[in-house]
Amino acid sequence: MKIRILIAFTFVVLFSFNNYAQNDWKLDYNQALELAKSEKKPILVLFTGSDWCPPCMLLHKYIFHTDEFEKWSKDHLIMVLADFPRLRKNQIPEEQAKKNEKLAKKFKVKVLPTVFLLNNYGKVLDKKVGYNGETPKEYIQNIIQKTNSIH
């Protein structure tokens, strides 16, 4: 019986992260930072409440889950996801939840969604709170302006 519960839990966790697989979202900030250094790419860190926060859901729908952003980001960004879901079916492993809390504390996140754009060494280049209705093209152009390293 315990094995069935474990398998079901694992399936739910993997399914809840499936929406982020397209962009190759990283869940570990330190690993993402090392990758950004080696690939010389900026880092986008997303703090979100993916299943309860209306502005977060809009940001996912109109930016992060669009073909335009997904295609562009694969070649230009290292992306880190720090999700804080509330629904039981979307709960993340306790270890990941602790990592997300620690990262939110490090960046002093108070409101969701909050998106940080960092250089490849972790220096903050930009911080956006909320979602203001930008198009994917506008969102990408803002990232390009802030990094000055993506052409």
N, C-alpha and C. Protein backbone atom coordinates (compact mmCIF):
# COMPACT_ATOMS: atom_id res chain seq x y z
N MET A 1 0.82 -1.20 0.00
CA MET A 1 0.00 0.00 0.00
C MET A 1 0.87 1.26 0.00
N LYS A 2 1.92 1.26 0.80
CA LYS A 2 2.80 2.44 0.87
C LYS A 2 3.48 2.69 -0.47
N ILE A 3 3.81 1.63 -1.18
CA ILE A 3 4.45 1.78 -2.49
C ILE A 3 3.49 2.44 -3.46
N ARG A 4 2.22 2.05 -3.42
CA ARG A 4 1.22 2.67 -4.31
C ARG A 4 1.09 4.16 -4.02
N ILE A 5 1.08 4.51 -2.75
CA ILE A 5 0.98 5.92 -2.38
C ILE A 5 2.21 6.67 -2.87
N LEU A 6 3.39 6.10 -2.69
CA LEU A 6 4.63 6.72 -3.14
C LEU A 6 4.62 6.91 -4.66
N ILE A 7 4.19 5.91 -5.38
CA ILE A 7 4.13 6.00 -6.84
C ILE A 7 3.13 7.08 -7.26
N ALA A 8 1.98 7.11 -6.61
CA ALA A 8 0.97 8.13 -6.94
C ALA A 8 1.50 9.53 -6.64
N PHE A 9 2.16 9.69 -5.51
CA PHE A 9 2.72 10.99 -5.14
C PHE A 9 3.77 11.42 -6.16
N THR A 10 4.64 10.51 -6.55
CA THR A 10 5.67 10.82 -7.53
C THR A 10 5.04 11.24 -8.85
N PHE A 11 3.99 10.55 -9.27
CA PHE A 11 3.30 10.90 -10.51
C PHE A 11 2.72 12.31 -10.43
N VAL A 12 2.09 12.64 -9.31
CA VAL A 12 1.50 13.97 -9.14
C VAL A 12 2.57 15.04 -9.20
N VAL A 13 3.70 14.81 -8.55
CA VAL A 13 4.78 15.79 -8.54
C VAL A 13 5.33 15.98 -9.95
N LEU A 14 5.58 14.90 -10.64
CA LEU A 14 6.10 15.01 -12.00
C LEU A 14 5.09 15.68 -12.91
N PHE A 15 3.83 15.37 -12.76
CA PHE A 15 2.80 15.99 -13.58
C PHE A 15 2.71 17.48 -13.31
N SER A 16 2.84 17.89 -12.05
CA SER A 16 2.72 19.31 -11.73
C SER A 16 3.87 20.12 -12.30
N PHE A 17 5.03 19.52 -12.48
CA PHE A 17 6.16 20.22 -13.07
C PHE A 17 6.19 20.10 -14.59
N ASN A 18 5.30 19.30 -15.16
CA ASN A 18 5.30 19.06 -16.60
C ASN A 18 5.13 20.35 -17.39
N ASN A 19 4.33 21.28 -16.91
CA ASN A 19 4.13 22.53 -17.63
C ASN A 19 5.41 23.33 -17.79
N TYR A 20 6.39 23.06 -16.98
CA TYR A 20 7.64 23.81 -17.03
C TYR A 20 8.73 23.07 -17.79
N ALA A 21 8.45 21.87 -18.24
CA ALA A 21 9.46 21.08 -18.94
C ALA A 21 9.83 21.69 -20.29
N GLN A 22 8.86 22.34 -20.94
CA GLN A 22 9.11 22.89 -22.26
C GLN A 22 10.27 23.89 -22.23
N ASN A 23 10.34 24.69 -21.20
CA ASN A 23 11.36 25.71 -21.09
C ASN A 23 12.63 25.21 -20.41
N ASP A 24 12.62 23.98 -19.98
CA ASP A 24 13.76 23.43 -19.25
C ASP A 24 14.04 24.25 -17.98
N TRP A 25 12.99 24.51 -17.22
CA TRP A 25 13.13 25.23 -15.96
C TRP A 25 13.99 24.43 -15.00
N LYS A 26 14.88 25.09 -14.33
CA LYS A 26 15.71 24.47 -13.30
C LYS A 26 15.03 24.68 -11.96
N LEU A 27 15.21 23.74 -11.07
CA LEU A 27 14.62 23.85 -9.74
C LEU A 27 15.68 24.16 -8.68
N ASP A 28 16.93 24.06 -9.06
CA ASP A 28 18.03 24.31 -8.12
C ASP A 28 18.80 25.55 -8.58
N TYR A 29 18.73 26.60 -7.79
CA TYR A 29 19.36 27.87 -8.13
C TYR A 29 20.87 27.73 -8.30
N ASN A 30 21.53 27.03 -7.40
CA ASN A 30 22.98 26.91 -7.47
C ASN A 30 23.44 26.18 -8.73
N GLN A 31 22.72 25.14 -9.11
CA GLN A 31 23.05 24.44 -10.36
C GLN A 31 22.81 25.34 -11.56
N ALA A 32 21.74 26.11 -11.51
CA ALA A 32 21.43 27.04 -12.60
C ALA A 32 22.52 28.10 -12.72
N LEU A 33 23.02 28.58 -11.59
CA LEU A 33 24.08 29.59 -11.58
C LEU A 33 25.35 29.04 -12.21
N GLU A 34 25.70 27.82 -11.89
CA GLU A 34 26.89 27.19 -12.50
C GLU A 34 26.70 27.04 -14.01
N LEU A 35 25.52 26.64 -14.41
CA LEU A 35 25.22 26.48 -15.83
C LEU A 35 25.28 27.84 -16.54
N ALA A 36 24.75 28.86 -15.91
CA ALA A 36 24.77 30.21 -16.50
C ALA A 36 26.20 30.71 -16.68
N LYS A 37 27.05 30.43 -15.72
CA LYS A 37 28.46 30.83 -15.83
C LYS A 37 29.12 30.13 -17.00
N SER A 38 28.90 28.82 -17.10
CA SER A 38 29.56 28.06 -18.16
C SER A 38 29.01 28.39 -19.55
N GLU A 39 27.71 28.67 -19.64
CA GLU A 39 27.09 28.97 -20.94
C GLU A 39 27.04 30.47 -21.23
N LYS A 40 27.47 31.27 -20.26
CA LYS A 40 27.46 32.74 -20.39
C LYS A 40 26.09 33.26 -20.79
N LYS A 41 25.07 32.82 -20.04
CA LYS A 41 23.70 33.24 -20.27
C LYS A 41 23.14 33.89 -19.00
N PRO A 42 22.25 34.85 -19.17
CA PRO A 42 21.58 35.42 -17.99
C PRO A 42 20.60 34.41 -17.39
N ILE A 43 20.19 34.69 -16.18
CA ILE A 43 19.27 33.82 -15.44
C ILE A 43 17.97 34.56 -15.21
N LEU A 44 16.86 33.89 -15.44
CA LEU A 44 15.55 34.40 -15.08
C LEU A 44 15.06 33.53 -13.93
N VAL A 45 14.74 34.16 -12.79
CA VAL A 45 14.23 33.44 -11.63
C VAL A 45 12.78 33.85 -11.43
N LEU A 46 11.88 32.88 -11.49
CA LEU A 46 10.45 33.12 -11.34
C LEU A 46 9.98 32.60 -9.99
N PHE A 47 9.43 33.50 -9.18
CA PHE A 47 8.76 33.14 -7.93
C PHE A 47 7.27 33.23 -8.21
N THR A 48 6.56 32.12 -8.04
CA THR A 48 5.17 32.06 -8.46
C THR A 48 4.32 31.21 -7.54
N GLY A 49 3.06 31.49 -7.53
CA GLY A 49 2.05 30.64 -6.91
C GLY A 49 1.19 30.13 -8.05
N SER A 50 1.69 29.13 -8.73
CA SER A 50 1.14 28.72 -10.03
C SER A 50 -0.31 28.26 -10.00
N ASP A 51 -0.81 27.83 -8.85
CA ASP A 51 -2.17 27.29 -8.84
C ASP A 51 -3.16 28.12 -8.01
N TRP A 52 -2.75 29.28 -7.56
CA TRP A 52 -3.67 30.08 -6.74
C TRP A 52 -3.57 31.59 -6.98
N CYS A 53 -2.50 32.06 -7.58
CA CYS A 53 -2.24 33.49 -7.74
C CYS A 53 -2.67 33.95 -9.13
N PRO A 54 -3.76 34.74 -9.24
CA PRO A 54 -4.24 35.16 -10.57
C PRO A 54 -3.19 35.84 -11.44
N PRO A 55 -2.41 36.82 -10.94
CA PRO A 55 -1.39 37.42 -11.82
C PRO A 55 -0.32 36.40 -12.25
N CYS A 56 -0.02 35.45 -11.37
CA CYS A 56 0.94 34.39 -11.73
C CYS A 56 0.41 33.56 -12.89
N MET A 57 -0.86 33.19 -12.80
CA MET A 57 -1.47 32.39 -13.85
C MET A 57 -1.49 33.13 -15.18
N LEU A 58 -1.75 34.43 -15.13
CA LEU A 58 -1.72 35.23 -16.36
C LEU A 58 -0.31 35.29 -16.94
N LEU A 59 0.68 35.47 -16.10
CA LEU A 59 2.06 35.52 -16.55
C LEU A 59 2.46 34.20 -17.21
N HIS A 60 2.06 33.10 -16.61
CA HIS A 60 2.34 31.78 -17.21
C HIS A 60 1.66 31.66 -18.56
N LYS A 61 0.38 31.99 -18.59
CA LYS A 61 -0.41 31.81 -19.81
C LYS A 61 0.05 32.71 -20.95
N TYR A 62 0.27 33.99 -20.66
CA TYR A 62 0.53 34.95 -21.72
C TYR A 62 2.01 35.20 -22.01
N ILE A 63 2.89 34.68 -21.18
CA ILE A 63 4.33 34.83 -21.44
C ILE A 63 5.03 33.48 -21.47
N PHE A 64 5.16 32.84 -20.32
CA PHE A 64 6.03 31.68 -20.19
C PHE A 64 5.57 30.44 -20.95
N HIS A 65 4.28 30.30 -21.21
CA HIS A 65 3.79 29.13 -21.94
C HIS A 65 3.42 29.43 -23.38
N THR A 66 3.94 30.54 -23.91
CA THR A 66 3.71 30.85 -25.32
C THR A 66 4.83 30.25 -26.15
N ASP A 67 4.52 29.89 -27.38
CA ASP A 67 5.54 29.35 -28.28
C ASP A 67 6.68 30.34 -28.48
N GLU A 68 6.33 31.61 -28.64
CA GLU A 68 7.35 32.63 -28.89
C GLU A 68 8.37 32.70 -27.76
N PHE A 69 7.89 32.76 -26.53
CA PHE A 69 8.81 32.86 -25.40
C PHE A 69 9.58 31.55 -25.19
N GLU A 70 8.88 30.43 -25.30
CA GLU A 70 9.53 29.14 -25.09
C GLU A 70 10.68 28.92 -26.09
N LYS A 71 10.43 29.22 -27.35
CA LYS A 71 11.48 29.04 -28.37
C LYS A 71 12.66 29.97 -28.11
N TRP A 72 12.36 31.22 -27.80
CA TRP A 72 13.43 32.20 -27.58
C TRP A 72 14.23 31.87 -26.32
N SER A 73 13.56 31.54 -25.25
CA SER A 73 14.24 31.34 -23.97
C SER A 73 15.19 30.15 -23.98
N LYS A 74 14.88 29.13 -24.75
CA LYS A 74 15.75 27.94 -24.80
C LYS A 74 17.19 28.30 -25.17
N ASP A 75 17.35 29.27 -26.05
CA ASP A 75 18.68 29.64 -26.52
C ASP A 75 19.29 30.82 -25.78
N HIS A 76 18.50 31.53 -24.98
CA HIS A 76 19.00 32.78 -24.43
C HIS A 76 19.00 32.90 -22.91
N LEU A 77 18.37 31.98 -22.20
CA LEU A 77 18.25 32.11 -20.75
C LEU A 77 18.47 30.79 -20.04
N ILE A 78 18.89 30.90 -18.80
CA ILE A 78 18.80 29.80 -17.85
C ILE A 78 17.64 30.20 -16.95
N MET A 79 16.65 29.33 -16.81
CA MET A 79 15.45 29.70 -16.09
C MET A 79 15.28 28.86 -14.83
N VAL A 80 14.96 29.55 -13.73
CA VAL A 80 14.79 28.91 -12.43
C VAL A 80 13.35 29.12 -11.97
N LEU A 81 12.73 28.05 -11.52
CA LEU A 81 11.36 28.10 -11.03
C LEU A 81 11.34 27.89 -9.52
N ALA A 82 10.74 28.82 -8.82
CA ALA A 82 10.48 28.67 -7.38
C ALA A 82 8.97 28.81 -7.21
N ASP A 83 8.30 27.68 -7.18
CA ASP A 83 6.83 27.67 -7.12
C ASP A 83 6.36 27.43 -5.69
N PHE A 84 5.24 28.06 -5.36
CA PHE A 84 4.63 27.95 -4.05
C PHE A 84 3.16 27.57 -4.21
N PRO A 85 2.90 26.36 -4.72
CA PRO A 85 1.51 25.95 -4.94
C PRO A 85 0.79 25.72 -3.62
N ARG A 86 -0.54 25.85 -3.65
CA ARG A 86 -1.34 25.64 -2.45
C ARG A 86 -2.23 24.41 -2.55
N LEU A 87 -2.67 24.07 -3.75
CA LEU A 87 -3.57 22.94 -3.90
C LEU A 87 -2.84 21.64 -3.58
N ARG A 88 -3.51 20.77 -2.86
CA ARG A 88 -2.92 19.50 -2.45
C ARG A 88 -2.39 18.71 -3.65
N LYS A 89 -3.14 18.71 -4.75
CA LYS A 89 -2.73 17.93 -5.93
C LYS A 89 -1.46 18.47 -6.57
N ASN A 90 -1.08 19.71 -6.29
CA ASN A 90 0.10 20.32 -6.91
C ASN A 90 1.28 20.48 -5.96
N GLN A 91 1.17 19.92 -4.78
CA GLN A 91 2.24 20.09 -3.80
C GLN A 91 3.57 19.54 -4.33
N ILE A 92 4.62 20.24 -3.97
CA ILE A 92 5.96 19.85 -4.39
C ILE A 92 6.64 19.13 -3.23
N PRO A 93 7.70 18.39 -3.49
CA PRO A 93 8.39 17.70 -2.41
C PRO A 93 8.86 18.69 -1.34
N GLU A 94 8.85 18.26 -0.10
CA GLU A 94 9.22 19.12 1.03
C GLU A 94 10.62 19.72 0.85
N GLU A 95 11.55 18.93 0.35
CA GLU A 95 12.92 19.42 0.14
C GLU A 95 12.93 20.59 -0.86
N GLN A 96 12.15 20.47 -1.93
CA GLN A 96 12.07 21.55 -2.92
C GLN A 96 11.38 22.77 -2.33
N ALA A 97 10.34 22.56 -1.54
CA ALA A 97 9.64 23.67 -0.90
C ALA A 97 10.59 24.45 0.01
N LYS A 98 11.45 23.74 0.72
CA LYS A 98 12.43 24.41 1.59
C LYS A 98 13.44 25.21 0.78
N LYS A 99 13.89 24.64 -0.34
CA LYS A 99 14.81 25.37 -1.23
C LYS A 99 14.16 26.64 -1.76
N ASN A 100 12.89 26.53 -2.14
CA ASN A 100 12.17 27.69 -2.67
C ASN A 100 12.02 28.77 -1.60
N GLU A 101 11.70 28.36 -0.38
CA GLU A 101 11.58 29.32 0.73
C GLU A 101 12.91 30.04 0.99
N LYS A 102 13.97 29.27 0.99
CA LYS A 102 15.31 29.83 1.22
C LYS A 102 15.67 30.83 0.11
N LEU A 103 15.36 30.48 -1.12
CA LEU A 103 15.64 31.36 -2.26
C LEU A 103 14.80 32.63 -2.17
N ALA A 104 13.54 32.50 -1.80
CA ALA A 104 12.67 33.67 -1.66
C ALA A 104 13.19 34.60 -0.56
N LYS A 105 13.71 34.02 0.49
CA LYS A 105 14.28 34.81 1.59
C LYS A 105 15.54 35.53 1.11
N LYS A 106 16.37 34.82 0.36
CA LYS A 106 17.61 35.41 -0.17
C LYS A 106 17.31 36.64 -1.04
N PHE A 107 16.27 36.54 -1.87
CA PHE A 107 15.92 37.63 -2.78
C PHE A 107 14.88 38.59 -2.19
N LYS A 108 14.49 38.35 -0.95
CA LYS A 108 13.54 39.21 -0.24
C LYS A 108 12.22 39.37 -1.01
N VAL A 109 11.70 38.25 -1.47
CA VAL A 109 10.45 38.24 -2.21
C VAL A 109 9.28 38.40 -1.24
N LYS A 110 8.42 39.36 -1.53
CA LYS A 110 7.26 39.64 -0.68
C LYS A 110 5.94 39.38 -1.40
N VAL A 111 5.95 39.48 -2.74
CA VAL A 111 4.74 39.39 -3.54
C VAL A 111 4.99 38.43 -4.70
N LEU A 112 3.94 37.69 -5.07
CA LEU A 112 4.02 36.81 -6.23
C LEU A 112 3.10 37.33 -7.32
N PRO A 113 3.45 37.21 -8.57
CA PRO A 113 4.74 36.73 -9.06
C PRO A 113 5.81 37.81 -8.95
N THR A 114 7.02 37.36 -8.73
CA THR A 114 8.19 38.22 -8.81
C THR A 114 9.19 37.52 -9.72
N VAL A 115 9.72 38.28 -10.66
CA VAL A 115 10.68 37.74 -11.63
C VAL A 115 11.96 38.55 -11.53
N PHE A 116 13.06 37.86 -11.33
CA PHE A 116 14.37 38.49 -11.30
C PHE A 116 15.12 38.11 -12.57
N LEU A 117 15.82 39.07 -13.11
CA LEU A 117 16.73 38.83 -14.21
C LEU A 117 18.12 39.07 -13.65
N LEU A 118 18.99 38.07 -13.77
CA LEU A 118 20.33 38.12 -13.21
C LEU A 118 21.35 37.95 -14.32
N ASN A 119 22.55 38.50 -14.10
CA ASN A 119 23.61 38.18 -15.05
C ASN A 119 24.11 36.77 -14.76
N ASN A 120 25.05 36.29 -15.53
CA ASN A 120 25.49 34.91 -15.39
C ASN A 120 26.31 34.67 -14.12
N TYR A 121 26.53 35.70 -13.31
CA TYR A 121 27.20 35.53 -12.02
C TYR A 121 26.24 35.76 -10.85
N GLY A 122 24.96 35.97 -11.15
CA GLY A 122 23.97 36.10 -10.10
C GLY A 122 23.68 37.52 -9.66
N LYS A 123 24.26 38.52 -10.32
CA LYS A 123 23.97 39.92 -9.98
C LYS A 123 22.61 40.31 -10.54
N VAL A 124 21.77 40.92 -9.70
CA VAL A 124 20.43 41.32 -10.12
C VAL A 124 20.51 42.47 -11.13
N LEU A 125 19.91 42.24 -12.30
CA LEU A 125 19.84 43.26 -13.35
C LEU A 125 18.47 43.93 -13.38
N ASP A 126 17.43 43.18 -13.00
CA ASP A 126 16.08 43.70 -13.05
C ASP A 126 15.19 42.87 -12.13
N LYS A 127 14.14 43.52 -11.65
CA LYS A 127 13.14 42.85 -10.82
C LYS A 127 11.77 43.33 -11.27
N LYS A 128 10.87 42.39 -11.54
CA LYS A 128 9.50 42.73 -11.94
C LYS A 128 8.55 42.05 -10.95
N VAL A 129 7.61 42.82 -10.46
CA VAL A 129 6.59 42.29 -9.56
C VAL A 129 5.25 42.38 -10.28
N GLY A 130 4.53 41.27 -10.30
CA GLY A 130 3.23 41.24 -10.96
C GLY A 130 3.34 40.98 -12.45
N TYR A 131 2.23 41.16 -13.12
CA TYR A 131 2.17 41.02 -14.58
C TYR A 131 1.36 42.19 -15.11
N ASN A 132 1.96 42.95 -16.01
CA ASN A 132 1.34 44.18 -16.51
C ASN A 132 0.75 44.06 -17.89
N GLY A 133 0.56 42.85 -18.37
CA GLY A 133 -0.09 42.66 -19.66
C GLY A 133 0.83 42.74 -20.86
N GLU A 134 2.13 42.67 -20.66
CA GLU A 134 3.06 42.70 -21.80
C GLU A 134 2.81 41.51 -22.72
N THR A 135 3.18 41.70 -23.97
CA THR A 135 3.16 40.60 -24.92
C THR A 135 4.48 39.84 -24.77
N PRO A 136 4.56 38.62 -25.30
CA PRO A 136 5.83 37.91 -25.25
C PRO A 136 6.96 38.72 -25.91
N LYS A 137 6.65 39.37 -27.03
CA LYS A 137 7.67 40.17 -27.72
C LYS A 137 8.17 41.30 -26.82
N GLU A 138 7.26 42.00 -26.15
CA GLU A 138 7.67 43.07 -25.23
C GLU A 138 8.48 42.53 -24.06
N TYR A 139 8.07 41.39 -23.55
CA TYR A 139 8.77 40.78 -22.42
C TYR A 139 10.21 40.41 -22.82
N ILE A 140 10.33 39.81 -23.99
CA ILE A 140 11.65 39.44 -24.51
C ILE A 140 12.51 40.68 -24.74
N GLN A 141 11.93 41.72 -25.33
CA GLN A 141 12.69 42.95 -25.58
C GLN A 141 13.19 43.57 -24.28
N ASN A 142 12.40 43.51 -23.23
CA ASN A 142 12.83 44.02 -21.94
C ASN A 142 14.03 43.23 -21.42
N ILE A 143 13.99 41.93 -21.58
CA ILE A 143 15.11 41.10 -21.14
C ILE A 143 16.36 41.45 -21.94
N ILE A 144 16.22 41.60 -23.23
CA ILE A 144 17.35 41.96 -24.08
C ILE A 144 17.94 43.30 -23.65
N GLN A 145 17.09 44.28 -23.40
CA GLN A 145 17.55 45.60 -22.96
C GLN A 145 18.31 45.50 -21.64
N LYS A 146 17.78 44.73 -20.71
CA LYS A 146 18.40 44.65 -19.38
C LYS A 146 19.71 43.88 -19.38
N THR A 147 19.86 42.93 -20.27
CA THR A 147 21.08 42.13 -20.28
C THR A 147 22.15 42.70 -21.18
N ASN A 148 21.75 43.38 -22.25
CA ASN A 148 22.70 43.93 -23.22
C ASN A 148 23.67 42.89 -23.77
N SER A 149 23.36 41.61 -23.55
CA SER A 149 24.28 40.57 -24.03
C SER A 149 23.60 39.58 -24.96
N ILE A 150 22.31 39.79 -25.21
CA ILE A 150 21.58 38.89 -26.08
C ILE A 150 21.25 39.63 -27.36
N HIS A 151 21.61 39.04 -28.46
CA HIS A 151 21.34 39.72 -29.74
C HIS A 151 20.42 38.88 -30.59
